Amino acid sequence: MGNKIAFVTGATSGIGKACALALAENGYDIIACGRREERLQNLQEEMPAGVKYTYLVFDVRDKIEVTSAISGLSEEWKDIDLLVNNAGNAHGLEPIQTGDLDDWDAMIDINVKGLLYVSKALIPGMTERRSGQIINIGSIAGKEVYPNGNVYCASKHAVDALTRSMRIDLNPYGIKVMGIHPGLVETEFSLVRFKGNAEKASPVYKGYEPLQALDIADIVVFAATRPAHVVLADVVVLPTAQANSTIVMKDL
């Protein structure tokens, strides 16, 4: 019997990349997904010996791309044991009255619809086999709201609601469903939110010790390696310096 197979979206950087590597270190074969093919190719070089690796290039916003890529997997990759829905982004940080419509579309399309498209393509195989696990990477923004977070918070609240709904719908099939909701994690997140403006992005992680992508990957591995009768349903994880979405103890 071969290794279990993990399917990780948004694997070109940050939490997704860390999850792919950590799961591989724990004996999973990896299907890494993302938009940046060169990074997915390079990721193979970091994979440990003894695991199989393949990648799919698609934008989760495009349901045709998603369906085509996943349906094109060869037979050896079709029985996916673990789906990590990690792909997601924040775009802009504006009050609702001046928010950018394109930013809103991007967040809803990636964070909500993208998660749905990938899940829809993979869940039927899990229900047919009556086994599998889904881990949705949400955010503390899915548990509370903060100034100027409006649509991003709404999209992550949707992820939380979908996670809880999936757990109900998939319960008869023995499929585990989990949500992980991180606070401040030092990744490309803020650089994307501020549209490449490093001057605005860099202070977000200054003056305290933020979470790292590996901290989230550790939780994913722990959840994925629990006994069959155990599911971590919902985990909120913050750096020690962070009390909630708006309170962070900084030494500035």
C-alpha atoms as a PDB file:
ATOM      1  CA  MET A   1       0.000   0.000   0.000  1.00  0.00           C
ATOM      2  CA  GLY A   2       1.402   3.392  -1.008  1.00  0.00           C
ATOM      3  CA  ASN A   3       1.583   6.649   0.856  1.00  0.00           C
ATOM      4  CA  LYS A   4      -1.517   8.711   1.492  1.00  0.00           C
ATOM      5  CA  ILE A   5      -2.026  11.596  -0.939  1.00  0.00           C
ATOM      6  CA  ALA A   6      -2.398  15.239   0.112  1.00  0.00           C
ATOM      7  CA  PHE A   7      -3.742  17.919  -2.228  1.00  0.00           C
ATOM      8  CA  VAL A   8      -2.594  21.415  -1.204  1.00  0.00           C
ATOM      9  CA  THR A   9      -3.800  24.626  -2.842  1.00  0.00           C
ATOM     10  CA  GLY A  10      -1.799  27.841  -2.754  1.00  0.00           C
ATOM     11  CA  ALA A  11       1.392  25.796  -2.405  1.00  0.00           C
ATOM     12  CA  THR A  12       3.739  28.251  -4.110  1.00  0.00           C
ATOM     13  CA  SER A  13       4.536  30.157  -0.912  1.00  0.00           C
ATOM     14  CA  GLY A  14       3.711  30.727   2.737  1.00  0.00           C
ATOM     15  CA  ILE A  15       1.377  28.376   4.571  1.00  0.00           C
ATOM     16  CA  GLY A  16       0.616  26.230   1.529  1.00  0.00           C
ATOM     17  CA  LYS A  17       4.262  25.550   0.760  1.00  0.00           C
ATOM     18  CA  ALA A  18       4.989  24.825   4.427  1.00  0.00           C
ATOM     19  CA  CYS A  19       2.048  22.391   4.561  1.00  0.00           C
ATOM     20  CA  ALA A  20       3.190  20.561   1.427  1.00  0.00           C
ATOM     21  CA  LEU A  21       6.721  20.112   2.801  1.00  0.00           C
ATOM     22  CA  ALA A  22       5.600  19.163   6.315  1.00  0.00           C
ATOM     23  CA  LEU A  23       3.117  16.596   5.044  1.00  0.00           C
ATOM     24  CA  ALA A  24       5.759  15.156   2.727  1.00  0.00           C
ATOM     25  CA  GLU A  25       8.133  14.843   5.696  1.00  0.00           C
ATOM     26  CA  ASN A  26       5.395  12.814   7.365  1.00  0.00           C
ATOM     27  CA  GLY A  27       4.998  10.379   4.502  1.00  0.00           C
ATOM     28  CA  TYR A  28       2.332  11.946   2.294  1.00  0.00           C
ATOM     29  CA  ASP A  29       2.663  12.039  -1.468  1.00  0.00           C
ATOM     30  CA  ILE A  30       1.932  15.585  -2.586  1.00  0.00           C
ATOM     31  CA  ILE A  31      -0.172  17.264  -5.242  1.00  0.00           C
ATOM     32  CA  ALA A  32       0.819  20.940  -5.012  1.00  0.00           C
ATOM     33  CA  CYS A  33      -1.373  23.529  -6.710  1.00  0.00           C
ATOM     34  CA  GLY A  34      -0.921  27.186  -7.572  1.00  0.00           C
ATOM     35  CA  ARG A  35      -0.617  29.764 -10.321  1.00  0.00           C
ATOM     36  CA  ARG A  36       3.186  30.113 -10.436  1.00  0.00           C
ATOM     37  CA  GLU A  37       4.529  27.068 -12.262  1.00  0.00           C
ATOM     38  CA  GLU A  38       8.203  27.848 -11.708  1.00  0.00           C
ATOM     39  CA  ARG A  39       7.704  27.825  -7.949  1.00  0.00           C
ATOM     40  CA  LEU A  40       5.831  24.538  -8.131  1.00  0.00           C
ATOM     41  CA  GLN A  41       8.672  23.055 -10.163  1.00  0.00           C
ATOM     42  CA  ASN A  42      11.231  24.313  -7.639  1.00  0.00           C
ATOM     43  CA  LEU A  43       9.232  22.872  -4.756  1.00  0.00           C
ATOM     44  CA  GLN A  44       9.960  19.386  -6.045  1.00  0.00           C
ATOM     45  CA  GLU A  45      13.646  19.931  -5.261  1.00  0.00           C
ATOM     46  CA  GLU A  46      12.774  20.462  -1.592  1.00  0.00           C
ATOM     47  CA  MET A  47      10.734  17.292  -1.279  1.00  0.00           C
ATOM     48  CA  PRO A  48      12.186  14.536   0.919  1.00  0.00           C
ATOM     49  CA  ALA A  49      13.217  11.203  -0.537  1.00  0.00           C
ATOM     50  CA  GLY A  50      10.591   8.491  -0.654  1.00  0.00           C
ATOM     51  CA  VAL A  51       7.567  10.614  -1.523  1.00  0.00           C
ATOM     52  CA  LYS A  52       5.960  11.171  -4.893  1.00  0.00           C
ATOM     53  CA  TYR A  53       5.272  14.702  -6.055  1.00  0.00           C
ATOM     54  CA  THR A  54       3.251  16.267  -8.812  1.00  0.00           C
ATOM     55  CA  TYR A  55       1.736  19.681  -9.334  1.00  0.00           C
ATOM     56  CA  LEU A  56      -1.205  21.346 -11.027  1.00  0.00           C
ATOM     57  CA  VAL A  57      -1.161  24.906 -12.369  1.00  0.00           C
ATOM     58  CA  PHE A  58      -4.504  26.685 -12.129  1.00  0.00           C
ATOM     59  CA  ASP A  59      -6.213  29.726 -10.679  1.00  0.00           C
ATOM     60  CA  VAL A  60      -8.821  28.641  -8.114  1.00  0.00           C
ATOM     61  CA  ARG A  61     -11.081  31.456  -9.344  1.00  0.00           C
ATOM     62  CA  ASP A  62     -11.502  29.716 -12.701  1.00  0.00           C
ATOM     63  CA  LYS A  63     -13.886  26.782 -12.301  1.00  0.00           C
ATOM     64  CA  ILE A  64     -13.098  25.471 -15.779  1.00  0.00           C
ATOM     65  CA  GLU A  65      -9.356  25.451 -15.046  1.00  0.00           C
ATOM     66  CA  VAL A  66      -9.969  23.789 -11.686  1.00  0.00           C
ATOM     67  CA  THR A  67     -12.221  21.075 -13.080  1.00  0.00           C
ATOM     68  CA  SER A  68      -9.981  20.418 -16.073  1.00  0.00           C
ATOM     69  CA  ALA A  69      -6.776  20.182 -14.030  1.00  0.00           C
ATOM     70  CA  ILE A  70      -8.208  17.862 -11.388  1.00  0.00           C
ATOM     71  CA  SER A  71     -10.079  15.639 -13.840  1.00  0.00           C
ATOM     72  CA  GLY A  72      -6.805  15.246 -15.749  1.00  0.00           C
ATOM     73  CA  LEU A  73      -5.018  13.585 -12.832  1.00  0.00           C
ATOM     74  CA  SER A  74      -3.763  10.089 -13.627  1.00  0.00           C
ATOM     75  CA  GLU A  75      -5.241   7.108 -11.815  1.00  0.00           C
ATOM     76  CA  GLU A  76      -2.352   6.891  -9.344  1.00  0.00           C
ATOM     77  CA  TRP A  77      -3.203  10.382  -8.052  1.00  0.00           C
ATOM     78  CA  LYS A  78      -7.008  10.235  -7.970  1.00  0.00           C
ATOM     79  CA  ASP A  79      -7.548   8.722  -4.500  1.00  0.00           C
ATOM     80  CA  ILE A  80      -6.848  11.858  -2.490  1.00  0.00           C
ATOM     81  CA  ASP A  81      -6.875  11.369   1.275  1.00  0.00           C
ATOM     82  CA  LEU A  82      -6.352  14.959   2.441  1.00  0.00           C
ATOM     83  CA  LEU A  83      -7.415  18.273   0.927  1.00  0.00           C
ATOM     84  CA  VAL A  84      -5.825  21.419   2.354  1.00  0.00           C
ATOM     85  CA  ASN A  85      -7.823  24.392   1.062  1.00  0.00           C
ATOM     86  CA  ASN A  86      -5.196  27.041   1.673  1.00  0.00           C
ATOM     87  CA  ALA A  87      -5.377  29.338  -1.359  1.00  0.00           C
ATOM     88  CA  GLY A  88      -6.631  32.760  -0.309  1.00  0.00           C
ATOM     89  CA  ASN A  89      -5.784  36.434  -0.387  1.00  0.00           C
ATOM     90  CA  ALA A  90      -6.563  39.820   1.101  1.00  0.00           C
ATOM     91  CA  HIS A  91      -6.795  42.740  -1.302  1.00  0.00           C
ATOM     92  CA  GLY A  92      -6.861  46.284   0.014  1.00  0.00           C
ATOM     93  CA  LEU A  93      -7.685  47.665   3.441  1.00  0.00           C
ATOM     94  CA  GLU A  94     -10.317  50.326   2.937  1.00  0.00           C
ATOM     95  CA  PRO A  95     -13.558  51.313   4.649  1.00  0.00           C
ATOM     96  CA  ILE A  96     -16.664  49.950   2.981  1.00  0.00           C
ATOM     97  CA  GLN A  97     -17.596  53.298   1.400  1.00  0.00           C
ATOM     98  CA  THR A  98     -14.334  53.583  -0.540  1.00  0.00           C
ATOM     99  CA  GLY A  99     -13.600  49.903  -1.152  1.00  0.00           C
ATOM    100  CA  ASP A 100     -12.486  48.794  -4.581  1.00  0.00           C
ATOM    101  CA  LEU A 101     -14.929  46.535  -6.423  1.00  0.00           C
ATOM    102  CA  ASP A 102     -12.125  44.581  -8.068  1.00  0.00           C
ATOM    103  CA  ASP A 103     -10.602  43.907  -4.639  1.00  0.00           C
ATOM    104  CA  TRP A 104     -13.970  42.670  -3.393  1.00  0.00           C
ATOM    105  CA  ASP A 105     -14.367  40.369  -6.395  1.00  0.00           C
ATOM    106  CA  ALA A 106     -10.861  38.963  -5.927  1.00  0.00           C
ATOM    107  CA  MET A 107     -11.420  38.125  -2.259  1.00  0.00           C
ATOM    108  CA  ILE A 108     -14.808  36.521  -2.770  1.00  0.00           C
ATOM    109  CA  ASP A 109     -13.689  34.669  -5.895  1.00  0.00           C
ATOM    110  CA  ILE A 110     -10.487  33.288  -4.340  1.00  0.00           C
ATOM    111  CA  ASN A 111     -11.403  32.828  -0.681  1.00  0.00           C
ATOM    112  CA  VAL A 112     -14.938  31.534  -1.120  1.00  0.00           C
ATOM    113  CA  LYS A 113     -15.661  30.403  -4.659  1.00  0.00           C
ATOM    114  CA  GLY A 114     -12.163  29.008  -5.178  1.00  0.00           C
ATOM    115  CA  LEU A 115     -12.481  26.877  -2.064  1.00  0.00           C
ATOM    116  CA  LEU A 116     -15.855  25.655  -3.331  1.00  0.00           C
ATOM    117  CA  TYR A 117     -14.609  24.828  -6.830  1.00  0.00           C
ATOM    118  CA  VAL A 118     -11.704  22.723  -5.567  1.00  0.00           C
ATOM    119  CA  SER A 119     -13.827  21.032  -2.913  1.00  0.00           C
ATOM    120  CA  LYS A 120     -16.565  20.199  -5.426  1.00  0.00           C
ATOM    121  CA  ALA A 121     -14.006  18.543  -7.685  1.00  0.00           C
ATOM    122  CA  LEU A 122     -12.546  16.353  -4.920  1.00  0.00           C
ATOM    123  CA  ILE A 123     -15.364  15.578  -2.479  1.00  0.00           C
ATOM    124  CA  PRO A 124     -17.254  13.088  -4.704  1.00  0.00           C
ATOM    125  CA  GLY A 125     -14.199  10.813  -4.700  1.00  0.00           C
ATOM    126  CA  MET A 126     -14.039  10.999  -0.910  1.00  0.00           C
ATOM    127  CA  THR A 127     -17.735  10.248  -0.479  1.00  0.00           C
ATOM    128  CA  GLU A 128     -17.468   7.299  -2.871  1.00  0.00           C
ATOM    129  CA  ARG A 129     -14.552   5.891  -0.852  1.00  0.00           C
ATOM    130  CA  ARG A 130     -16.226   6.935   2.409  1.00  0.00           C
ATOM    131  CA  SER A 131     -12.959   8.336   3.702  1.00  0.00           C
ATOM    132  CA  GLY A 132     -10.878  11.483   3.616  1.00  0.00           C
ATOM    133  CA  GLN A 133     -10.135  14.724   5.401  1.00  0.00           C
ATOM    134  CA  ILE A 134     -10.595  18.372   4.482  1.00  0.00           C
ATOM    135  CA  ILE A 135      -8.720  21.162   6.241  1.00  0.00           C
ATOM    136  CA  ASN A 136      -9.822  24.689   5.367  1.00  0.00           C
ATOM    137  CA  ILE A 137      -7.396  27.478   6.224  1.00  0.00           C
ATOM    138  CA  GLY A 138      -9.508  30.365   7.440  1.00  0.00           C
ATOM    139  CA  SER A 139      -8.493  33.342   9.560  1.00  0.00           C
ATOM    140  CA  ILE A 140      -9.136  35.077  12.858  1.00  0.00           C
ATOM    141  CA  ALA A 141     -11.032  37.417  10.508  1.00  0.00           C
ATOM    142  CA  GLY A 142     -13.564  34.613  10.154  1.00  0.00           C
ATOM    143  CA  LYS A 143     -14.311  34.765  13.877  1.00  0.00           C
ATOM    144  CA  GLU A 144     -14.498  38.547  14.390  1.00  0.00           C
ATOM    145  CA  VAL A 145     -14.315  41.731  12.352  1.00  0.00           C
ATOM    146  CA  TYR A 146     -11.989  44.723  12.424  1.00  0.00           C
ATOM    147  CA  PRO A 147     -11.914  48.234  10.928  1.00  0.00           C
ATOM    148  CA  ASN A 148     -11.548  48.261   7.152  1.00  0.00           C
ATOM    149  CA  GLY A 149     -11.648  44.443   7.036  1.00  0.00           C
ATOM    150  CA  ASN A 150     -15.272  44.334   5.804  1.00  0.00           C
ATOM    151  CA  VAL A 151     -15.223  42.105   2.695  1.00  0.00           C
ATOM    152  CA  TYR A 152     -12.123  40.139   3.686  1.00  0.00           C
ATOM    153  CA  CYS A 153     -13.741  39.369   7.041  1.00  0.00           C
ATOM    154  CA  ALA A 154     -16.962  38.444   5.267  1.00  0.00           C
ATOM    155  CA  SER A 155     -15.109  36.040   2.980  1.00  0.00           C
ATOM    156  CA  LYS A 156     -13.398  34.339   5.923  1.00  0.00           C
ATOM    157  CA  HIS A 157     -16.674  34.158   7.858  1.00  0.00           C
ATOM    158  CA  ALA A 158     -17.971  32.325   4.788  1.00  0.00           C
ATOM    159  CA  VAL A 159     -15.047  29.887   5.006  1.00  0.00           C
ATOM    160  CA  ASP A 160     -15.927  29.225   8.644  1.00  0.00           C
ATOM    161  CA  ALA A 161     -19.595  28.655   7.762  1.00  0.00           C
ATOM    162  CA  LEU A 162     -18.714  26.375   4.864  1.00  0.00           C
ATOM    163  CA  THR A 163     -16.371  24.361   7.077  1.00  0.00           C
ATOM    164  CA  ARG A 164     -19.103  23.768   9.644  1.00  0.00           C
ATOM    165  CA  SER A 165     -21.617  22.960   6.896  1.00  0.00           C
ATOM    166  CA  MET A 166     -19.238  20.530   5.211  1.00  0.00           C
ATOM    167  CA  ARG A 167     -18.766  18.734   8.521  1.00  0.00           C
ATOM    168  CA  ILE A 168     -22.535  18.175   8.740  1.00  0.00           C
ATOM    169  CA  ASP A 169     -23.010  17.154   5.107  1.00  0.00           C
ATOM    170  CA  LEU A 170     -20.021  14.801   5.052  1.00  0.00           C
ATOM    171  CA  ASN A 171     -20.586  13.267   8.476  1.00  0.00           C
ATOM    172  CA  PRO A 172     -22.456  10.229   7.080  1.00  0.00           C
ATOM    173  CA  TYR A 173     -19.395   9.383   4.980  1.00  0.00           C
ATOM    174  CA  GLY A 174     -16.855   9.448   7.806  1.00  0.00           C
ATOM    175  CA  ILE A 175     -14.999  12.400   6.275  1.00  0.00           C
ATOM    176  CA  LYS A 176     -13.200  14.661   8.726  1.00  0.00           C
ATOM    177  CA  VAL A 177     -13.565  18.425   8.258  1.00  0.00           C
ATOM    178  CA  MET A 178     -11.486  20.990  10.104  1.00  0.00           C
ATOM    179  CA  GLY A 179     -10.994  24.752  10.110  1.00  0.00           C
ATOM    180  CA  ILE A 180      -7.733  26.433  11.133  1.00  0.00           C
ATOM    181  CA  HIS A 181      -8.033  30.157  11.823  1.00  0.00           C
ATOM    182  CA  PRO A 182      -4.656  31.877  12.186  1.00  0.00           C
ATOM    183  CA  GLY A 183      -3.929  35.341  13.455  1.00  0.00           C
ATOM    184  CA  LEU A 184      -0.847  37.200  12.270  1.00  0.00           C
ATOM    185  CA  VAL A 185       1.398  34.922  10.203  1.00  0.00           C
ATOM    186  CA  GLU A 186       4.524  36.326   8.565  1.00  0.00           C
ATOM    187  CA  THR A 187       4.041  35.451   4.892  1.00  0.00           C
ATOM    188  CA  GLU A 188       3.451  37.357   1.631  1.00  0.00           C
ATOM    189  CA  PHE A 189      -0.067  38.092   2.924  1.00  0.00           C
ATOM    190  CA  SER A 190       0.472  41.764   3.808  1.00  0.00           C
ATOM    191  CA  LEU A 191       2.544  42.436   0.702  1.00  0.00           C
ATOM    192  CA  VAL A 192      -0.387  41.200  -1.385  1.00  0.00           C
ATOM    193  CA  ARG A 193      -2.913  43.155   0.708  1.00  0.00           C
ATOM    194  CA  PHE A 194      -0.931  46.368   0.147  1.00  0.00           C
ATOM    195  CA  LYS A 195      -0.414  45.517  -3.527  1.00  0.00           C
ATOM    196  CA  GLY A 196       3.341  45.131  -3.406  1.00  0.00           C
ATOM    197  CA  ASN A 197       3.990  48.185  -1.229  1.00  0.00           C
ATOM    198  CA  ALA A 198       6.721  46.855   1.079  1.00  0.00           C
ATOM    199  CA  GLU A 199       6.830  50.122   3.026  1.00  0.00           C
ATOM    200  CA  LYS A 200       3.237  49.560   4.140  1.00  0.00           C
ATOM    201  CA  ALA A 201       3.531  45.796   4.514  1.00  0.00           C
ATOM    202  CA  SER A 202       6.711  45.436   6.580  1.00  0.00           C
ATOM    203  CA  PRO A 203       5.508  47.189   9.800  1.00  0.00           C
ATOM    204  CA  VAL A 204       2.713  44.614  10.160  1.00  0.00           C
ATOM    205  CA  TYR A 205       5.216  42.077  11.516  1.00  0.00           C
ATOM    206  CA  LYS A 206       7.559  44.428  13.396  1.00  0.00           C
ATOM    207  CA  GLY A 207       7.938  44.707  17.161  1.00  0.00           C
ATOM    208  CA  TYR A 208       6.721  41.234  18.134  1.00  0.00           C
ATOM    209  CA  GLU A 209       7.136  37.607  17.103  1.00  0.00           C
ATOM    210  CA  PRO A 210       4.446  36.658  14.584  1.00  0.00           C
ATOM    211  CA  LEU A 211       3.428  33.148  13.689  1.00  0.00           C
ATOM    212  CA  GLN A 212       5.380  31.478  10.902  1.00  0.00           C
ATOM    213  CA  ALA A 213       3.983  29.334   8.113  1.00  0.00           C
ATOM    214  CA  LEU A 214       5.508  26.249   9.731  1.00  0.00           C
ATOM    215  CA  ASP A 215       3.444  26.862  12.880  1.00  0.00           C
ATOM    216  CA  ILE A 216       0.290  26.350  10.824  1.00  0.00           C
ATOM    217  CA  ALA A 217       1.778  23.412   8.950  1.00  0.00           C
ATOM    218  CA  ASP A 218       2.541  21.733  12.280  1.00  0.00           C
ATOM    219  CA  ILE A 219      -1.155  21.931  13.182  1.00  0.00           C
ATOM    220  CA  VAL A 220      -2.136  20.501   9.789  1.00  0.00           C
ATOM    221  CA  VAL A 221       0.220  17.549  10.274  1.00  0.00           C
ATOM    222  CA  PHE A 222      -1.005  16.968  13.820  1.00  0.00           C
ATOM    223  CA  ALA A 223      -4.629  16.995  12.675  1.00  0.00           C
ATOM    224  CA  ALA A 224      -3.885  14.727   9.725  1.00  0.00           C
ATOM    225  CA  THR A 225      -2.162  12.128  11.881  1.00  0.00           C
ATOM    226  CA  ARG A 226      -4.837  11.721  14.583  1.00  0.00           C
ATOM    227  CA  PRO A 227      -6.554   8.338  14.950  1.00  0.00           C
ATOM    228  CA  ALA A 228      -9.542   7.663  12.712  1.00  0.00           C
ATOM    229  CA  HIS A 229     -12.042   8.481  15.465  1.00  0.00           C
ATOM    230  CA  VAL A 230     -10.502  11.902  16.272  1.00  0.00           C
ATOM    231  CA  VAL A 231     -11.042  15.175  14.393  1.00  0.00           C
ATOM    232  CA  LEU A 232      -9.795  18.604  15.401  1.00  0.00           C
ATOM    233  CA  ALA A 233     -12.866  20.503  14.297  1.00  0.00           C
ATOM    234  CA  ASP A 234     -11.885  24.114  14.880  1.00  0.00           C
ATOM    235  CA  VAL A 235      -8.587  25.734  15.887  1.00  0.00           C
ATOM    236  CA  VAL A 236      -7.873  29.435  16.371  1.00  0.00           C
ATOM    237  CA  VAL A 237      -4.133  30.066  16.622  1.00  0.00           C
ATOM    238  CA  LEU A 238      -2.503  33.397  17.464  1.00  0.00           C
ATOM    239  CA  PRO A 239       1.005  34.585  18.219  1.00  0.00           C
ATOM    240  CA  THR A 240       1.420  35.144  21.962  1.00  0.00           C
ATOM    241  CA  ALA A 241       1.609  38.898  21.372  1.00  0.00           C
ATOM    242  CA  GLN A 242      -1.830  38.964  19.741  1.00  0.00           C
ATOM    243  CA  ALA A 243      -5.000  39.057  21.838  1.00  0.00           C
ATOM    244  CA  ASN A 244      -7.498  39.479  18.994  1.00  0.00           C
ATOM    245  CA  SER A 245      -7.734  41.028  15.533  1.00  0.00           C
ATOM    246  CA  THR A 246      -6.892  44.519  16.738  1.00  0.00           C
ATOM    247  CA  ILE A 247      -4.820  44.123  19.926  1.00  0.00           C
ATOM    248  CA  VAL A 248      -1.148  43.255  19.469  1.00  0.00           C
ATOM    249  CA  MET A 249       1.532  43.945  22.061  1.00  0.00           C
ATOM    250  CA  LYS A 250       4.431  45.516  20.176  1.00  0.00           C
ATOM    251  CA  ASP A 251       7.796  46.686  21.483  1.00  0.00           C
ATOM    252  CA  LEU A 252       8.190  49.729  19.255  1.00  0.00           C
END
